[in-house]
PDB file of N, CA and C in Angstrom:
ATOM      1  N   UNK A   1     -10.596  37.555  64.133  1.00  0.00           N
ATOM      2  CA  UNK A   1     -11.560  37.257  65.163  1.00  0.00           C
ATOM      3  C   UNK A   1     -11.093  36.104  66.046  1.00  0.00           C
ATOM      4  N   UNK A   2     -10.378  35.117  65.516  1.00  0.00           N
ATOM      5  CA  UNK A   2      -9.911  33.984  66.315  1.00  0.00           C
ATOM      6  C   UNK A   2      -9.132  34.445  67.537  1.00  0.00           C
ATOM      7  N   UNK A   3      -8.136  35.300  67.308  1.00  0.00           N
ATOM      8  CA  UNK A   3      -7.278  35.761  68.390  1.00  0.00           C
ATOM      9  C   UNK A   3      -8.098  36.536  69.413  1.00  0.00           C
ATOM     10  N   UNK A   4      -8.998  37.375  68.947  1.00  0.00           N
ATOM     11  CA  UNK A   4      -9.840  38.147  69.852  1.00  0.00           C
ATOM     12  C   UNK A   4     -10.626  37.219  70.770  1.00  0.00           C
ATOM     13  N   UNK A   5     -11.235  36.193  70.208  1.00  0.00           N
ATOM     14  CA  UNK A   5     -12.027  35.263  71.013  1.00  0.00           C
ATOM     15  C   UNK A   5     -11.139  34.521  71.998  1.00  0.00           C
ATOM     16  N   UNK A   6      -9.971  34.075  71.551  1.00  0.00           N
ATOM     17  CA  UNK A   6      -9.081  33.357  72.452  1.00  0.00           C
ATOM     18  C   UNK A   6      -8.622  34.229  73.612  1.00  0.00           C
ATOM     19  N   UNK A   7      -8.378  35.508  73.347  1.00  0.00           N
ATOM     20  CA  UNK A   7      -7.884  36.405  74.395  1.00  0.00           C
ATOM     21  C   UNK A   7      -8.996  36.934  75.302  1.00  0.00           C
ATOM     22  N   UNK A   8     -10.205  37.046  74.797  1.00  0.00           N
ATOM     23  CA  UNK A   8     -11.278  37.660  75.574  1.00  0.00           C
ATOM     24  C   UNK A   8     -12.475  36.738  75.780  1.00  0.00           C
ATOM     25  N   UNK A   9     -12.405  35.530  75.270  1.00  0.00           N
ATOM     26  CA  UNK A   9     -13.546  34.616  75.253  1.00  0.00           C
ATOM     27  C   UNK A   9     -14.235  34.403  76.567  1.00  0.00           C
ATOM     28  N   UNK A  10     -13.483  34.234  77.643  1.00  0.00           N
ATOM     29  CA  UNK A  10     -14.122  33.958  78.916  1.00  0.00           C
ATOM     30  C   UNK A  10     -14.955  35.141  79.398  1.00  0.00           C
ATOM     31  N   UNK A  11     -14.579  36.336  79.024  1.00  0.00           N
ATOM     32  CA  UNK A  11     -15.345  37.507  79.439  1.00  0.00           C
ATOM     33  C   UNK A  11     -16.522  37.765  78.504  1.00  0.00           C
ATOM     34  N   UNK A  12     -16.398  37.371  77.249  1.00  0.00           N
ATOM     35  CA  UNK A  12     -17.396  37.720  76.244  1.00  0.00           C
ATOM     36  C   UNK A  12     -18.427  36.621  76.030  1.00  0.00           C
ATOM     37  N   UNK A  13     -18.002  35.377  75.988  1.00  0.00           N
ATOM     38  CA  UNK A  13     -18.894  34.277  75.646  1.00  0.00           C
ATOM     39  C   UNK A  13     -19.249  33.444  76.878  1.00  0.00           C
ATOM     40  N   UNK A  14     -20.516  33.368  77.179  1.00  0.00           N
ATOM     41  CA  UNK A  14     -20.964  32.568  78.309  1.00  0.00           C
ATOM     42  C   UNK A  14     -20.684  31.089  78.032  1.00  0.00           C
ATOM     43  N   UNK A  15     -20.087  30.411  78.975  1.00  0.00           N
ATOM     44  CA  UNK A  15     -19.781  28.999  78.827  1.00  0.00           C
ATOM     45  C   UNK A  15     -18.495  28.713  78.070  1.00  0.00           C
ATOM     46  N   UNK A  16     -17.811  29.748  77.623  1.00  0.00           N
ATOM     47  CA  UNK A  16     -16.541  29.568  76.892  1.00  0.00           C
ATOM     48  C   UNK A  16     -15.449  29.205  77.877  1.00  0.00           C
ATOM     49  N   UNK A  17     -14.640  28.224  77.534  1.00  0.00           N
ATOM     50  CA  UNK A  17     -13.538  27.798  78.389  1.00  0.00           C
ATOM     51  C   UNK A  17     -12.252  27.882  77.588  1.00  0.00           C
ATOM     52  N   UNK A  18     -11.293  28.609  78.081  1.00  0.00           N
ATOM     53  CA  UNK A  18     -10.019  28.683  77.367  1.00  0.00           C
ATOM     54  C   UNK A  18      -9.064  27.637  77.927  1.00  0.00           C
ATOM     55  N   UNK A  19      -8.186  27.170  77.070  1.00  0.00           N
ATOM     56  CA  UNK A  19      -7.216  26.146  77.420  1.00  0.00           C
ATOM     57  C   UNK A  19      -6.028  26.818  78.085  1.00  0.00           C
ATOM     58  N   UNK A  20      -5.701  26.450  79.303  1.00  0.00           N
ATOM     59  CA  UNK A  20      -4.634  27.114  80.044  1.00  0.00           C
ATOM     60  C   UNK A  20      -3.252  26.519  79.761  1.00  0.00           C
ATOM     61  N   UNK A  21      -3.187  25.300  79.271  1.00  0.00           N
ATOM     62  CA  UNK A  21      -1.909  24.624  79.006  1.00  0.00           C
ATOM     63  C   UNK A  21      -1.241  25.243  77.793  1.00  0.00           C
ATOM     64  N   UNK A  22       0.002  25.670  77.924  1.00  0.00           N
ATOM     65  CA  UNK A  22       0.725  26.293  76.804  1.00  0.00           C
ATOM     66  C   UNK A  22       0.751  25.417  75.563  1.00  0.00           C
ATOM     67  N   UNK A  23       0.860  24.132  75.737  1.00  0.00           N
ATOM     68  CA  UNK A  23       0.969  23.214  74.613  1.00  0.00           C
ATOM     69  C   UNK A  23      -0.316  23.011  73.848  1.00  0.00           C
ATOM     70  N   UNK A  24      -1.400  23.582  74.333  1.00  0.00           N
ATOM     71  CA  UNK A  24      -2.681  23.437  73.665  1.00  0.00           C
ATOM     72  C   UNK A  24      -3.032  24.591  72.754  1.00  0.00           C
ATOM     73  N   UNK A  25      -2.127  25.516  72.596  1.00  0.00           N
ATOM     74  CA  UNK A  25      -2.454  26.664  71.775  1.00  0.00           C
ATOM     75  C   UNK A  25      -1.325  27.113  70.875  1.00  0.00           C
ATOM     76  N   UNK A  26      -0.501  26.194  70.409  1.00  0.00           N
ATOM     77  CA  UNK A  26       0.606  26.550  69.530  1.00  0.00           C
ATOM     78  C   UNK A  26       0.062  26.728  68.121  1.00  0.00           C
ATOM     79  N   UNK A  27       0.401  27.862  67.514  1.00  0.00           N
ATOM     80  CA  UNK A  27      -0.107  28.179  66.183  1.00  0.00           C
ATOM     81  C   UNK A  27       0.846  29.142  65.494  1.00  0.00           C
ATOM     82  N   UNK A  28       0.568  29.400  64.241  1.00  0.00           N
ATOM     83  CA  UNK A  28       1.408  30.280  63.432  1.00  0.00           C
ATOM     84  C   UNK A  28       1.590  31.653  64.075  1.00  0.00           C
ATOM     85  N   UNK A  29       0.557  32.139  64.746  1.00  0.00           N
ATOM     86  CA  UNK A  29       0.619  33.485  65.300  1.00  0.00           C
ATOM     87  C   UNK A  29       1.381  33.581  66.615  1.00  0.00           C
ATOM     88  N   UNK A  30       1.782  32.457  67.251  1.00  0.00           N
ATOM     89  CA  UNK A  30       2.559  32.564  68.487  1.00  0.00           C
ATOM     90  C   UNK A  30       3.781  31.641  68.524  1.00  0.00           C
ATOM     91  N   UNK A  31       4.011  30.937  67.444  1.00  0.00           N
ATOM     92  CA  UNK A  31       5.081  29.947  67.444  1.00  0.00           C
ATOM     93  C   UNK A  31       6.468  30.567  67.605  1.00  0.00           C
ATOM     94  N   UNK A  32       6.616  31.830  67.207  1.00  0.00           N
ATOM     95  CA  UNK A  32       7.911  32.493  67.328  1.00  0.00           C
ATOM     96  C   UNK A  32       8.268  32.770  68.794  1.00  0.00           C
ATOM     97  N   UNK A  33       7.336  32.593  69.717  1.00  0.00           N
ATOM     98  CA  UNK A  33       7.600  32.825  71.138  1.00  0.00           C
ATOM     99  C   UNK A  33       8.312  31.652  71.809  1.00  0.00           C
ATOM    100  N   UNK A  34       8.462  30.541  71.097  1.00  0.00           N
ATOM    101  CA  UNK A  34       9.004  29.318  71.684  1.00  0.00           C
ATOM    102  C   UNK A  34      10.053  28.687  70.776  1.00  0.00           C
ATOM    103  N   UNK A  35      10.852  27.820  71.368  1.00  0.00           N
ATOM    104  CA  UNK A  35      11.680  26.919  70.564  1.00  0.00           C
ATOM    105  C   UNK A  35      11.179  25.510  70.873  1.00  0.00           C
ATOM    106  N   UNK A  36      11.589  24.548  70.038  1.00  0.00           N
ATOM    107  CA  UNK A  36      11.031  23.204  70.163  1.00  0.00           C
ATOM    108  C   UNK A  36      12.108  22.148  70.001  1.00  0.00           C
ATOM    109  N   UNK A  37      11.836  20.992  70.600  1.00  0.00           N
ATOM    110  CA  UNK A  37      12.719  19.832  70.429  1.00  0.00           C
ATOM    111  C   UNK A  37      11.861  18.578  70.456  1.00  0.00           C
ATOM    112  N   UNK A  38      12.363  17.533  69.821  1.00  0.00           N
ATOM    113  CA  UNK A  38      11.674  16.248  69.840  1.00  0.00           C
ATOM    114  C   UNK A  38      12.035  15.525  71.127  1.00  0.00           C
ATOM    115  N   UNK A  39      11.010  15.087  71.862  1.00  0.00           N
ATOM    116  CA  UNK A  39      11.224  14.257  73.042  1.00  0.00           C
ATOM    117  C   UNK A  39      11.180  12.806  72.616  1.00  0.00           C
ATOM    118  N   UNK A  40      11.009  11.907  73.563  1.00  0.00           N
ATOM    119  CA  UNK A  40      10.948  10.479  73.237  1.00  0.00           C
ATOM    120  C   UNK A  40       9.818  10.169  72.275  1.00  0.00           C
ATOM    121  N   UNK A  41       8.627  10.612  72.574  1.00  0.00           N
ATOM    122  CA  UNK A  41       7.496  10.405  71.668  1.00  0.00           C
ATOM    123  C   UNK A  41       6.582  11.625  71.683  1.00  0.00           C
ATOM    124  N   UNK A  42       7.165  12.755  72.008  1.00  0.00           N
ATOM    125  CA  UNK A  42       6.383  13.982  72.082  1.00  0.00           C
ATOM    126  C   UNK A  42       7.240  15.170  71.668  1.00  0.00           C
ATOM    127  N   UNK A  43       6.577  16.260  71.351  1.00  0.00           N
ATOM    128  CA  UNK A  43       7.282  17.494  71.032  1.00  0.00           C
ATOM    129  C   UNK A  43       7.289  18.360  72.281  1.00  0.00           C
ATOM    130  N   UNK A  44       8.443  18.887  72.604  1.00  0.00           N
ATOM    131  CA  UNK A  44       8.603  19.725  73.791  1.00  0.00           C
ATOM    132  C   UNK A  44       8.776  21.176  73.356  1.00  0.00           C
ATOM    133  N   UNK A  45       7.969  22.057  73.935  1.00  0.00           N
ATOM    134  CA  UNK A  45       8.100  23.487  73.722  1.00  0.00           C
ATOM    135  C   UNK A  45       8.948  24.082  74.825  1.00  0.00           C
ATOM    136  N   UNK A  46       9.694  25.115  74.492  1.00  0.00           N
ATOM    137  CA  UNK A  46      10.563  25.756  75.476  1.00  0.00           C
ATOM    138  C   UNK A  46      10.337  27.264  75.419  1.00  0.00           C
ATOM    139  N   UNK A  47       9.926  27.822  76.547  1.00  0.00           N
ATOM    140  CA  UNK A  47       9.730  29.264  76.642  1.00  0.00           C
ATOM    141  C   UNK A  47      11.084  29.955  76.768  1.00  0.00           C
ATOM    142  N   UNK A  48      11.103  31.262  76.620  1.00  0.00           N
ATOM    143  CA  UNK A  48      12.340  32.040  76.769  1.00  0.00           C
ATOM    144  C   UNK A  48      12.927  31.886  78.172  1.00  0.00           C
ATOM    145  N   UNK A  49      12.074  31.592  79.160  1.00  0.00           N
ATOM    146  CA  UNK A  49      12.523  31.393  80.546  1.00  0.00           C
ATOM    147  C   UNK A  49      13.131  30.003  80.761  1.00  0.00           C
ATOM    148  N   UNK A  50      13.182  29.196  79.703  1.00  0.00           N
ATOM    149  CA  UNK A  50      13.665  27.801  79.688  1.00  0.00           C
ATOM    150  C   UNK A  50      12.656  26.818  80.277  1.00  0.00           C
ATOM    151  N   UNK A  51      11.465  27.305  80.639  1.00  0.00           N
ATOM    152  CA  UNK A  51      10.407  26.420  81.106  1.00  0.00           C
ATOM    153  C   UNK A  51       9.963  25.545  79.936  1.00  0.00           C
ATOM    154  N   UNK A  52       9.829  24.244  80.193  1.00  0.00           N
ATOM    155  CA  UNK A  52       9.439  23.303  79.143  1.00  0.00           C
ATOM    156  C   UNK A  52       7.995  22.858  79.335  1.00  0.00           C
ATOM    157  N   UNK A  53       7.357  22.525  78.214  1.00  0.00           N
ATOM    158  CA  UNK A  53       5.985  22.037  78.246  1.00  0.00           C
ATOM    159  C   UNK A  53       5.784  21.094  77.074  1.00  0.00           C
ATOM    160  N   UNK A  54       4.850  20.160  77.236  1.00  0.00           N
ATOM    161  CA  UNK A  54       4.523  19.225  76.157  1.00  0.00           C
ATOM    162  C   UNK A  54       3.565  19.891  75.182  1.00  0.00           C
ATOM    163  N   UNK A  55       3.855  19.778  73.892  1.00  0.00           N
ATOM    164  CA  UNK A  55       2.950  20.302  72.872  1.00  0.00           C
ATOM    165  C   UNK A  55       1.832  19.293  72.687  1.00  0.00           C
ATOM    166  N   UNK A  56       0.605  19.754  72.847  1.00  0.00           N
ATOM    167  CA  UNK A  56      -0.559  18.884  72.721  1.00  0.00           C
ATOM    168  C   UNK A  56      -1.077  18.894  71.293  1.00  0.00           C
ATOM    169  N   UNK A  57      -1.192  20.068  70.699  1.00  0.00           N
ATOM    170  CA  UNK A  57      -1.560  20.145  69.288  1.00  0.00           C
ATOM    171  C   UNK A  57      -1.019  21.435  68.693  1.00  0.00           C
ATOM    172  N   UNK A  58      -0.884  21.409  67.381  1.00  0.00           N
ATOM    173  CA  UNK A  58      -0.443  22.579  66.636  1.00  0.00           C
ATOM    174  C   UNK A  58      -1.536  22.923  65.633  1.00  0.00           C
ATOM    175  N   UNK A  59      -1.908  24.175  65.581  1.00  0.00           N
ATOM    176  CA  UNK A  59      -2.933  24.633  64.648  1.00  0.00           C
ATOM    177  C   UNK A  59      -2.247  24.976  63.324  1.00  0.00           C
ATOM    178  N   UNK A  60      -2.381  24.098  62.333  1.00  0.00           N
ATOM    179  CA  UNK A  60      -1.775  24.324  61.020  1.00  0.00           C
ATOM    180  C   UNK A  60      -2.639  25.319  60.264  1.00  0.00           C
ATOM    181  N   UNK A  61      -2.241  26.556  60.324  1.00  0.00           N
ATOM    182  CA  UNK A  61      -2.970  27.643  59.684  1.00  0.00           C
ATOM    183  C   UNK A  61      -2.193  28.085  58.450  1.00  0.00           C
ATOM    184  N   UNK A  62      -2.901  28.307  57.363  1.00  0.00           N
ATOM    185  CA  UNK A  62      -2.315  28.824  56.125  1.00  0.00           C
ATOM    186  C   UNK A  62      -1.323  27.850  55.475  1.00  0.00           C
ATOM    187  N   UNK A  63      -1.645  26.595  55.426  1.00  0.00           N
ATOM    188  CA  UNK A  63      -0.854  25.635  54.651  1.00  0.00           C
ATOM    189  C   UNK A  63      -1.542  25.518  53.301  1.00  0.00           C
ATOM    190  N   UNK A  64      -0.807  25.855  52.241  1.00  0.00           N
ATOM    191  CA  UNK A  64      -1.372  25.838  50.891  1.00  0.00           C
ATOM    192  C   UNK A  64      -0.580  24.881  50.011  1.00  0.00           C
ATOM    193  N   UNK A  65      -1.287  24.072  49.250  1.00  0.00           N
ATOM    194  CA  UNK A  65      -0.660  23.173  48.287  1.00  0.00           C
ATOM    195  C   UNK A  65      -0.915  23.707  46.888  1.00  0.00           C
ATOM    196  N   UNK A  66       0.138  23.730  46.088  1.00  0.00           N
ATOM    197  CA  UNK A  66       0.018  24.157  44.695  1.00  0.00           C
ATOM    198  C   UNK A  66       0.471  23.014  43.802  1.00  0.00           C
ATOM    199  N   UNK A  67      -0.284  22.769  42.760  1.00  0.00           N
ATOM    200  CA  UNK A  67       0.028  21.659  41.863  1.00  0.00           C
ATOM    201  C   UNK A  67       1.118  22.048  40.881  1.00  0.00           C
ATOM    202  N   UNK A  68       1.817  21.024  40.436  1.00  0.00           N
ATOM    203  CA  UNK A  68       2.879  21.183  39.445  1.00  0.00           C
ATOM    204  C   UNK A  68       2.615  20.127  38.378  1.00  0.00           C
ATOM    205  N   UNK A  69       2.307  20.549  37.191  1.00  0.00           N
ATOM    206  CA  UNK A  69       1.911  19.608  36.135  1.00  0.00           C
ATOM    207  C   UNK A  69       3.079  18.792  35.572  1.00  0.00           C
ATOM    208  N   UNK A  70       4.312  19.049  36.014  1.00  0.00           N
ATOM    209  CA  UNK A  70       5.459  18.302  35.498  1.00  0.00           C
ATOM    210  C   UNK A  70       5.489  16.860  35.992  1.00  0.00           C
ATOM    211  N   UNK A  71       4.964  16.633  37.170  1.00  0.00           N
ATOM    212  CA  UNK A  71       4.946  15.282  37.729  1.00  0.00           C
ATOM    213  C   UNK A  71       3.648  15.098  38.509  1.00  0.00           C
ATOM    214  N   UNK A  72       3.136  13.891  38.559  1.00  0.00           N
ATOM    215  CA  UNK A  72       1.833  13.619  39.162  1.00  0.00           C
ATOM    216  C   UNK A  72       1.758  14.065  40.619  1.00  0.00           C
ATOM    217  N   UNK A  73       2.813  13.821  41.403  1.00  0.00           N
ATOM    218  CA  UNK A  73       2.754  14.137  42.830  1.00  0.00           C
ATOM    219  C   UNK A  73       3.677  15.289  43.231  1.00  0.00           C
ATOM    220  N   UNK A  74       4.236  15.991  42.244  1.00  0.00           N
ATOM    221  CA  UNK A  74       5.072  17.139  42.584  1.00  0.00           C
ATOM    222  C   UNK A  74       4.187  18.224  43.183  1.00  0.00           C
ATOM    223  N   UNK A  75       4.628  18.764  44.274  1.00  0.00           N
ATOM    224  CA  UNK A  75       3.811  19.725  44.998  1.00  0.00           C
ATOM    225  C   UNK A  75       4.681  20.859  45.528  1.00  0.00           C
ATOM    226  N   UNK A  76       4.156  22.042  45.436  1.00  0.00           N
ATOM    227  CA  UNK A  76       4.778  23.196  46.079  1.00  0.00           C
ATOM    228  C   UNK A  76       3.888  23.527  47.274  1.00  0.00           C
ATOM    229  N   UNK A  77       4.498  23.736  48.430  1.00  0.00           N
ATOM    230  CA  UNK A  77       3.742  24.004  49.637  1.00  0.00           C
ATOM    231  C   UNK A  77       4.130  25.370  50.178  1.00  0.00           C
ATOM    232  N   UNK A  78       3.128  26.157  50.495  1.00  0.00           N
ATOM    233  CA  UNK A  78       3.364  27.456  51.124  1.00  0.00           C
ATOM    234  C   UNK A  78       2.921  27.350  52.576  1.00  0.00           C
ATOM    235  N   UNK A  79       3.763  27.807  53.488  1.00  0.00           N
ATOM    236  CA  UNK A  79       3.486  27.640  54.910  1.00  0.00           C
ATOM    237  C   UNK A  79       3.013  28.910  55.598  1.00  0.00           C
ATOM    238  N   UNK A  80       2.819  29.955  54.856  1.00  0.00           N
ATOM    239  CA  UNK A  80       2.343  31.191  55.459  1.00  0.00           C
ATOM    240  C   UNK A  80       3.261  32.343  55.139  1.00  0.00           C
ATOM    241  N   UNK A  81       2.937  33.464  55.715  1.00  0.00           N
ATOM    242  CA  UNK A  81       3.688  34.683  55.417  1.00  0.00           C
ATOM    243  C   UNK A  81       4.642  35.073  56.534  1.00  0.00           C
ATOM    244  N   UNK A  82       4.904  34.158  57.431  1.00  0.00           N
ATOM    245  CA  UNK A  82       5.833  34.394  58.538  1.00  0.00           C
ATOM    246  C   UNK A  82       7.055  33.514  58.307  1.00  0.00           C
ATOM    247  N   UNK A  83       8.235  34.063  58.530  1.00  0.00           N
ATOM    248  CA  UNK A  83       9.447  33.248  58.434  1.00  0.00           C
ATOM    249  C   UNK A  83       9.486  32.303  59.626  1.00  0.00           C
ATOM    250  N   UNK A  84       9.459  31.025  59.337  1.00  0.00           N
ATOM    251  CA  UNK A  84       9.455  30.010  60.390  1.00  0.00           C
ATOM    252  C   UNK A  84      10.874  29.541  60.683  1.00  0.00           C
ATOM    253  N   UNK A  85      11.161  29.300  61.942  1.00  0.00           N
ATOM    254  CA  UNK A  85      12.467  28.776  62.346  1.00  0.00           C
ATOM    255  C   UNK A  85      12.627  27.354  61.825  1.00  0.00           C
ATOM    256  N   UNK A  86      13.876  26.954  61.619  1.00  0.00           N
ATOM    257  CA  UNK A  86      14.157  25.609  61.109  1.00  0.00           C
ATOM    258  C   UNK A  86      13.563  24.522  61.996  1.00  0.00           C
ATOM    259  N   UNK A  87      13.633  24.678  63.332  1.00  0.00           N
ATOM    260  CA  UNK A  87      13.085  23.644  64.210  1.00  0.00           C
ATOM    261  C   UNK A  87      11.579  23.498  64.005  1.00  0.00           C
ATOM    262  N   UNK A  88      10.890  24.579  63.748  1.00  0.00           N
ATOM    263  CA  UNK A  88       9.447  24.533  63.506  1.00  0.00           C
ATOM    264  C   UNK A  88       9.153  23.798  62.197  1.00  0.00           C
ATOM    265  N   UNK A  89       9.902  24.098  61.167  1.00  0.00           N
ATOM    266  CA  UNK A  89       9.690  23.446  59.873  1.00  0.00           C
ATOM    267  C   UNK A  89       9.953  21.951  59.987  1.00  0.00           C
ATOM    268  N   UNK A  90      11.054  21.561  60.617  1.00  0.00           N
ATOM    269  CA  UNK A  90      11.413  20.144  60.684  1.00  0.00           C
ATOM    270  C   UNK A  90      10.605  19.356  61.706  1.00  0.00           C
ATOM    271  N   UNK A  91      10.175  19.973  62.778  1.00  0.00           N
ATOM    272  CA  UNK A  91       9.429  19.247  63.809  1.00  0.00           C
ATOM    273  C   UNK A  91       7.933  19.206  63.512  1.00  0.00           C
ATOM    274  N   UNK A  92       7.368  20.300  63.027  1.00  0.00           N
ATOM    275  CA  UNK A  92       5.918  20.358  62.795  1.00  0.00           C
ATOM    276  C   UNK A  92       5.541  20.138  61.332  1.00  0.00           C
ATOM    277  N   UNK A  93       6.068  20.967  60.459  1.00  0.00           N
ATOM    278  CA  UNK A  93       5.573  20.996  59.078  1.00  0.00           C
ATOM    279  C   UNK A  93       6.063  19.846  58.209  1.00  0.00           C
ATOM    280  N   UNK A  94       7.322  19.485  58.294  1.00  0.00           N
ATOM    281  CA  UNK A  94       7.839  18.439  57.408  1.00  0.00           C
ATOM    282  C   UNK A  94       7.092  17.109  57.601  1.00  0.00           C
ATOM    283  N   UNK A  95       6.919  16.617  58.832  1.00  0.00           N
ATOM    284  CA  UNK A  95       6.161  15.363  58.992  1.00  0.00           C
ATOM    285  C   UNK A  95       4.697  15.500  58.572  1.00  0.00           C
ATOM    286  N   UNK A  96       4.104  16.648  58.827  1.00  0.00           N
ATOM    287  CA  UNK A  96       2.700  16.885  58.482  1.00  0.00           C
ATOM    288  C   UNK A  96       2.497  16.870  56.966  1.00  0.00           C
ATOM    289  N   UNK A  97       3.322  17.611  56.248  1.00  0.00           N
ATOM    290  CA  UNK A  97       3.206  17.681  54.789  1.00  0.00           C
ATOM    291  C   UNK A  97       3.527  16.323  54.169  1.00  0.00           C
ATOM    292  N   UNK A  98       4.532  15.651  54.702  1.00  0.00           N
ATOM    293  CA  UNK A  98       4.894  14.323  54.191  1.00  0.00           C
ATOM    294  C   UNK A  98       3.716  13.352  54.348  1.00  0.00           C
ATOM    295  N   UNK A  99       3.054  13.384  55.496  1.00  0.00           N
ATOM    296  CA  UNK A  99       1.896  12.516  55.721  1.00  0.00           C
ATOM    297  C   UNK A  99       0.757  12.863  54.765  1.00  0.00           C
ATOM    298  N   UNK A 100       0.493  14.146  54.567  1.00  0.00           N
ATOM    299  CA  UNK A 100      -0.581  14.542  53.649  1.00  0.00           C
ATOM    300  C   UNK A 100      -0.303  14.081  52.221  1.00  0.00           C
ATOM    301  N   UNK A 101       0.943  14.144  51.798  1.00  0.00           N
ATOM    302  CA  UNK A 101       1.303  13.687  50.448  1.00  0.00           C
ATOM    303  C   UNK A 101       1.159  12.167  50.343  1.00  0.00           C
ATOM    304  N   UNK A 102       1.555  11.434  51.399  1.00  0.00           N
ATOM    305  CA  UNK A 102       1.387   9.972  51.402  1.00  0.00           C
ATOM    306  C   UNK A 102      -0.094   9.595  51.323  1.00  0.00           C
ATOM    307  N   UNK A 103      -0.922  10.293  52.085  1.00  0.00           N
ATOM    308  CA  UNK A 103      -2.358  10.011  52.061  1.00  0.00           C
ATOM    309  C   UNK A 103      -2.969  10.356  50.709  1.00  0.00           C
ATOM    310  N   UNK A 104      -2.476  11.422  50.094  1.00  0.00           N
ATOM    311  CA  UNK A 104      -2.956  11.790  48.762  1.00  0.00           C
ATOM    312  C   UNK A 104      -2.669  10.653  47.770  1.00  0.00           C
ATOM    313  N   UNK A 105      -1.501  10.058  47.865  1.00  0.00           N
ATOM    314  CA  UNK A 105      -1.157   8.942  46.957  1.00  0.00           C
ATOM    315  C   UNK A 105      -2.098   7.761  47.153  1.00  0.00           C
ATOM    316  N   UNK A 106      -2.430   7.465  48.405  1.00  0.00           N
ATOM    317  CA  UNK A 106      -3.354   6.357  48.671  1.00  0.00           C
ATOM    318  C   UNK A 106      -4.749   6.662  48.122  1.00  0.00           C
ATOM    319  N   UNK A 107      -5.212   7.874  48.330  1.00  0.00           N
ATOM    320  CA  UNK A 107      -6.532   8.268  47.831  1.00  0.00           C
ATOM    321  C   UNK A 107      -6.545   8.253  46.312  1.00  0.00           C
ATOM    322  N   UNK A 108      -5.453   8.654  45.692  1.00  0.00           N
ATOM    323  CA  UNK A 108      -5.342   8.689  44.242  1.00  0.00           C
ATOM    324  C   UNK A 108      -5.565   7.300  43.630  1.00  0.00           C
ATOM    325  N   UNK A 109      -5.165   6.254  44.351  1.00  0.00           N
ATOM    326  CA  UNK A 109      -5.365   4.889  43.864  1.00  0.00           C
ATOM    327  C   UNK A 109      -6.848   4.527  43.795  1.00  0.00           C
ATOM    328  N   UNK A 110      -7.649   5.147  44.648  1.00  0.00           N
ATOM    329  CA  UNK A 110      -9.084   4.882  44.678  1.00  0.00           C
ATOM    330  C   UNK A 110      -9.843   5.838  43.770  1.00  0.00           C
ATOM    331  N   UNK A 111      -9.456   7.117  43.796  1.00  0.00           N
ATOM    332  CA  UNK A 111     -10.161   8.128  43.000  1.00  0.00           C
ATOM    333  C   UNK A 111      -9.149   9.180  42.555  1.00  0.00           C
ATOM    334  N   UNK A 112      -8.694   9.067  41.323  1.00  0.00           N
ATOM    335  CA  UNK A 112      -7.656   9.968  40.818  1.00  0.00           C
ATOM    336  C   UNK A 112      -8.177  11.371  40.514  1.00  0.00           C
ATOM    337  N   UNK A 113      -9.486  11.555  40.573  1.00  0.00           N
ATOM    338  CA  UNK A 113     -10.041  12.880  40.282  1.00  0.00           C
ATOM    339  C   UNK A 113     -10.129  13.761  41.535  1.00  0.00           C
ATOM    340  N   UNK A 114      -9.904  13.161  42.700  1.00  0.00           N
ATOM    341  CA  UNK A 114     -10.058  13.889  43.954  1.00  0.00           C
ATOM    342  C   UNK A 114      -8.695  14.261  44.524  1.00  0.00           C
ATOM    343  N   UNK A 115      -8.522  15.516  44.872  1.00  0.00           N
ATOM    344  CA  UNK A 115      -7.283  15.975  45.499  1.00  0.00           C
ATOM    345  C   UNK A 115      -7.591  16.364  46.943  1.00  0.00           C
ATOM    346  N   UNK A 116      -7.252  15.521  47.922  1.00  0.00           N
ATOM    347  CA  UNK A 116      -7.590  15.800  49.318  1.00  0.00           C
ATOM    348  C   UNK A 116      -6.861  17.005  49.893  1.00  0.00           C
ATOM    349  N   UNK A 117      -5.796  17.439  49.244  1.00  0.00           N
ATOM    350  CA  UNK A 117      -5.053  18.599  49.734  1.00  0.00           C
ATOM    351  C   UNK A 117      -5.547  19.900  49.123  1.00  0.00           C
ATOM    352  N   UNK A 118      -6.501  19.809  48.219  1.00  0.00           N
ATOM    353  CA  UNK A 118      -7.059  21.012  47.616  1.00  0.00           C
ATOM    354  C   UNK A 118      -6.050  21.819  46.821  1.00  0.00           C
ATOM    355  N   UNK A 119      -5.110  21.144  46.184  1.00  0.00           N
ATOM    356  CA  UNK A 119      -4.073  21.838  45.417  1.00  0.00           C
ATOM    357  C   UNK A 119      -4.685  22.710  44.341  1.00  0.00           C
ATOM    358  N   UNK A 120      -4.055  23.833  44.111  1.00  0.00           N
ATOM    359  CA  UNK A 120      -4.492  24.730  43.050  1.00  0.00           C
ATOM    360  C   UNK A 120      -3.269  25.331  42.385  1.00  0.00           C
ATOM    361  N   UNK A 121      -3.500  25.968  41.250  1.00  0.00           N
ATOM    362  CA  UNK A 121      -2.400  26.653  40.594  1.00  0.00           C
ATOM    363  C   UNK A 121      -2.077  27.911  41.385  1.00  0.00           C
ATOM    364  N   UNK A 122      -0.802  28.179  41.550  1.00  0.00           N
ATOM    365  CA  UNK A 122      -0.399  29.371  42.288  1.00  0.00           C
ATOM    366  C   UNK A 122      -0.504  30.574  41.362  1.00  0.00           C
ATOM    367  N   UNK A 123      -1.290  31.538  41.781  1.00  0.00           N
ATOM    368  CA  UNK A 123      -1.475  32.745  41.001  1.00  0.00           C
ATOM    369  C   UNK A 123      -0.406  33.775  41.389  1.00  0.00           C
ATOM    370  N   UNK A 124       0.076  34.482  40.425  1.00  0.00           N
ATOM    371  CA  UNK A 124       1.051  35.536  40.686  1.00  0.00           C
ATOM    372  C   UNK A 124       0.288  36.814  40.963  1.00  0.00           C
ATOM    373  N   UNK A 125       0.533  37.387  42.111  1.00  0.00           N
ATOM    374  CA  UNK A 125      -0.162  38.605  42.515  1.00  0.00           C
ATOM    375  C   UNK A 125       0.889  39.653  42.839  1.00  0.00           C
ATOM    376  N   UNK A 126       0.848  40.757  42.157  1.00  0.00           N
ATOM    377  CA  UNK A 126       1.881  41.790  42.318  1.00  0.00           C
ATOM    378  C   UNK A 126       1.490  42.849  43.314  1.00  0.00           C
ATOM    379  N   UNK A 127       0.413  42.627  44.061  1.00  0.00           N
ATOM    380  CA  UNK A 127      -0.012  43.625  45.059  1.00  0.00           C
ATOM    381  C   UNK A 127       0.916  43.632  46.237  1.00  0.00           C
TER     382      UNK A 127
END
């Protein structure tokens, strides 16, 4: 439904405003359409036409944390069911996951029973 609303929202929903800037809609479902590079203090998206744009936000969809009982902060992270390019992993996901793990450590000092990343055991599903 998300994609449907984004593509048809202005026609379907009264008062709905879609974001026209390319950098405001980067997500798992369209990230393969662009390549990326780190600018001075911003992430730059590059279309196939070589047109560049500033990335405003990235929608982190389907980031899953799985706990590992071997070590207190050992974590397995699943980034979705799409093969992500190396630039996407290193520019978007690596800093994001690293920050979430750092914040988890700080929260753990206050309340060790709370897992802000919602880690769970990874279930094996043969479907």
